[in-house]
Amino acid sequence: MSHIKFIILIVILLVCTEMYAADNEHDTISPDSLQQSEQVANAVRSPRRAMVYSLMFPGLGQLYNRDYFKSVLFFGTEFGLLANSIYLNQKRQESADAAEREFYINNRNLSTWWLIGVAIYSAMDAYVDAHMADFDESPNLNLQMFYDDEYSKLYLSLTYNF
């Protein structure tokens, strides 16, 4: 248990020092440079850093990508699966019947596999989101309907811009 507390402390220290270093890069900031640095910060994110953050702590990679809803969702899911695995392991230790023990072992293992799968999915999601941070999401496909009174016809127009 003390190893887990030590790892969590190291992760928190790393994140805090990086935030502090990012905040103290420039002592004097003009409004123009601030606006430019915000645009660059929004567009440039390291995919590897997002993936590593996501693997270090649930939802941290999504938080790095400024996707707050996903961050909370992944944190809650991974924390719930971890808590379920711990609970089922404790119930397994308390059980006296062999069939009951087998039940708790199977469900604990299933919960652990789901936890691993969600953690990998979270890391991949953070990696892809960081890659797509500067992706242009403007619509290229346009669908329009209009009615011609003269001929009493309904027209449908599908336009694709590339």
Protein backbone atom coordinates (compact mmCIF):
# COMPACT_ATOMS: atom_id res chain seq x y z
CA MET A 1 0.00 0.00 0.00
CA SER A 2 2.89 2.38 0.73
CA HIS A 3 4.21 1.85 -2.83
CA ILE A 4 0.91 3.06 -4.28
CA LYS A 5 0.97 6.18 -2.11
CA PHE A 6 4.56 6.86 -3.19
CA ILE A 7 3.69 6.48 -6.90
CA ILE A 8 0.67 8.78 -6.55
CA LEU A 9 2.85 11.36 -4.77
CA ILE A 10 5.46 11.23 -7.56
CA VAL A 11 2.77 11.67 -10.25
CA ILE A 12 1.27 14.66 -8.44
CA LEU A 13 4.71 16.26 -8.03
CA LEU A 14 5.54 15.76 -11.72
CA VAL A 15 2.27 17.30 -12.83
CA CYS A 16 2.57 20.24 -10.43
CA THR A 17 6.16 21.03 -11.39
CA GLU A 18 5.28 20.95 -15.07
CA MET A 19 2.32 23.28 -14.49
CA TYR A 20 4.54 25.61 -12.45
CA ALA A 21 7.24 25.61 -15.14
CA ALA A 22 4.67 26.32 -17.85
CA ASP A 23 3.22 29.22 -15.85
CA ASN A 24 6.63 30.81 -15.16
CA GLU A 25 8.18 30.64 -18.64
CA HIS A 26 7.89 34.39 -19.31
CA ASP A 27 8.06 37.16 -16.74
CA THR A 28 6.68 39.91 -18.97
CA ILE A 29 3.89 39.12 -21.38
CA SER A 30 2.33 41.47 -23.88
CA PRO A 31 -1.33 40.96 -24.90
CA ASP A 32 -0.30 40.03 -28.47
CA SER A 33 2.18 37.40 -27.36
CA LEU A 34 -0.36 36.04 -24.87
CA GLN A 35 -2.96 35.59 -27.60
CA GLN A 36 -0.39 33.93 -29.90
CA SER A 37 0.86 31.63 -27.14
CA GLU A 38 -2.73 30.56 -26.33
CA GLN A 39 -3.31 29.69 -30.00
CA VAL A 40 -0.08 27.68 -30.12
CA ALA A 41 -0.87 25.96 -26.81
CA ASN A 42 -4.31 24.99 -28.08
CA ALA A 43 -2.93 23.61 -31.34
CA VAL A 44 0.25 21.85 -30.21
CA ARG A 45 -0.07 18.96 -27.80
CA SER A 46 2.30 16.06 -27.45
CA PRO A 47 0.52 12.77 -28.19
CA ARG A 48 3.11 10.77 -26.25
CA ARG A 49 2.75 13.01 -23.22
CA ALA A 50 -1.04 12.67 -23.35
CA MET A 51 -0.75 8.88 -23.57
CA VAL A 52 1.75 8.67 -20.70
CA TYR A 53 -0.39 10.96 -18.54
CA SER A 54 -3.40 8.77 -19.25
CA LEU A 55 -1.47 5.65 -18.26
CA MET A 56 -0.05 7.28 -15.10
CA PHE A 57 -3.38 8.46 -13.71
CA PRO A 58 -6.92 7.79 -14.99
CA GLY A 59 -8.26 10.69 -17.03
CA LEU A 60 -5.11 12.80 -16.84
CA GLY A 61 -4.38 12.45 -20.56
CA GLN A 62 -7.87 13.70 -21.38
CA LEU A 63 -7.41 16.55 -18.92
CA TYR A 64 -4.15 17.44 -20.72
CA ASN A 65 -6.13 17.54 -23.98
CA ARG A 66 -8.73 19.80 -22.31
CA ASP A 67 -11.50 17.25 -22.74
CA TYR A 68 -12.98 17.54 -19.27
CA PHE A 69 -16.05 15.34 -19.74
CA LYS A 70 -13.98 12.40 -20.98
CA SER A 71 -11.52 12.96 -18.16
CA VAL A 72 -14.22 12.58 -15.53
CA LEU A 73 -15.74 9.64 -17.39
CA PHE A 74 -12.47 7.70 -17.63
CA PHE A 75 -11.51 8.52 -14.05
CA GLY A 76 -14.85 7.31 -12.72
CA THR A 77 -14.81 4.16 -14.84
CA GLU A 78 -11.27 3.15 -13.97
CA PHE A 79 -11.70 4.00 -10.29
CA GLY A 80 -14.98 2.04 -10.14
CA LEU A 81 -13.44 -1.02 -11.79
CA LEU A 82 -10.43 -0.88 -9.46
CA ALA A 83 -12.68 -0.56 -6.40
CA ASN A 84 -14.80 -3.46 -7.64
CA SER A 85 -11.71 -5.65 -8.09
CA ILE A 86 -10.49 -4.86 -4.58
CA TYR A 87 -13.94 -5.50 -3.11
CA LEU A 88 -14.29 -8.85 -4.89
CA ASN A 89 -10.82 -9.89 -3.74
CA GLN A 90 -11.73 -9.09 -0.13
CA LYS A 91 -14.96 -11.07 -0.47
CA ARG A 92 -12.96 -13.99 -1.91
CA GLN A 93 -10.70 -14.00 1.14
CA GLU A 94 -13.70 -13.98 3.50
CA SER A 95 -15.61 -16.76 1.75
CA ALA A 96 -15.45 -20.30 3.13
CA ASP A 97 -17.14 -22.22 0.32
CA ALA A 98 -15.04 -23.29 -2.70
CA ALA A 99 -17.82 -22.46 -5.20
CA GLU A 100 -18.25 -19.02 -3.69
CA ARG A 101 -14.49 -18.44 -3.87
CA GLU A 102 -14.48 -19.46 -7.52
CA PHE A 103 -17.31 -16.99 -8.17
CA TYR A 104 -15.41 -14.11 -6.59
CA ILE A 105 -12.16 -15.04 -8.36
CA ASN A 106 -13.86 -15.14 -11.77
CA ASN A 107 -15.62 -11.81 -11.25
CA ARG A 108 -12.48 -10.19 -9.84
CA ASN A 109 -10.49 -11.32 -12.87
CA LEU A 110 -13.21 -10.09 -15.22
CA SER A 111 -13.24 -6.70 -13.50
CA THR A 112 -9.44 -6.53 -13.72
CA TRP A 113 -9.48 -7.32 -17.45
CA TRP A 114 -12.09 -4.62 -18.00
CA LEU A 115 -9.88 -2.20 -16.05
CA ILE A 116 -6.90 -3.01 -18.27
CA GLY A 117 -9.01 -2.62 -21.41
CA VAL A 118 -10.44 0.74 -20.31
CA ALA A 119 -6.95 1.99 -19.36
CA ILE A 120 -5.59 1.04 -22.80
CA TYR A 121 -8.59 2.62 -24.51
CA SER A 122 -8.12 5.77 -22.43
CA ALA A 123 -4.45 5.99 -23.44
CA MET A 124 -5.29 5.49 -27.12
CA ASP A 125 -8.06 8.10 -26.90
CA ALA A 126 -5.68 10.63 -25.33
CA TYR A 127 -3.06 9.91 -28.00
CA VAL A 128 -5.52 10.37 -30.88
CA ASP A 129 -7.09 13.49 -29.35
CA ALA A 130 -3.65 15.10 -29.00
CA HIS A 131 -2.88 14.28 -32.64
CA MET A 132 -6.19 15.77 -33.75
CA ALA A 133 -5.91 18.95 -31.64
CA ASP A 134 -5.27 21.16 -34.65
CA PHE A 135 -7.62 19.33 -37.01
CA ASP A 136 -10.01 21.57 -38.95
CA GLU A 137 -13.56 20.50 -38.19
CA SER A 138 -15.29 22.80 -40.65
CA PRO A 139 -18.15 21.10 -42.46
CA ASN A 140 -17.37 20.00 -46.01
CA LEU A 141 -20.71 18.39 -46.65
CA ASN A 142 -23.79 20.53 -47.19
CA LEU A 143 -27.38 19.37 -47.63
CA GLN A 144 -30.03 21.90 -48.70
CA MET A 145 -33.71 21.61 -49.55
CA PHE A 146 -35.69 24.25 -51.37
CA TYR A 147 -39.11 24.47 -52.97
CA ASP A 148 -39.75 25.93 -56.44
CA ASP A 149 -43.19 27.61 -56.48
CA GLU A 150 -43.30 27.96 -60.26
CA TYR A 151 -43.03 24.23 -60.97
CA SER A 152 -44.31 23.01 -57.57
CA LYS A 153 -41.25 20.89 -57.03
CA LEU A 154 -39.06 20.18 -54.04
CA TYR A 155 -35.32 20.15 -54.74
CA LEU A 156 -32.62 18.53 -52.69
CA SER A 157 -29.02 19.65 -53.13
CA LEU A 158 -26.03 17.78 -51.77
CA THR A 159 -22.71 19.67 -51.98
CA TYR A 160 -19.27 18.37 -51.06
CA ASN A 161 -16.43 20.91 -50.86
CA PHE A 162 -12.84 19.75 -51.08
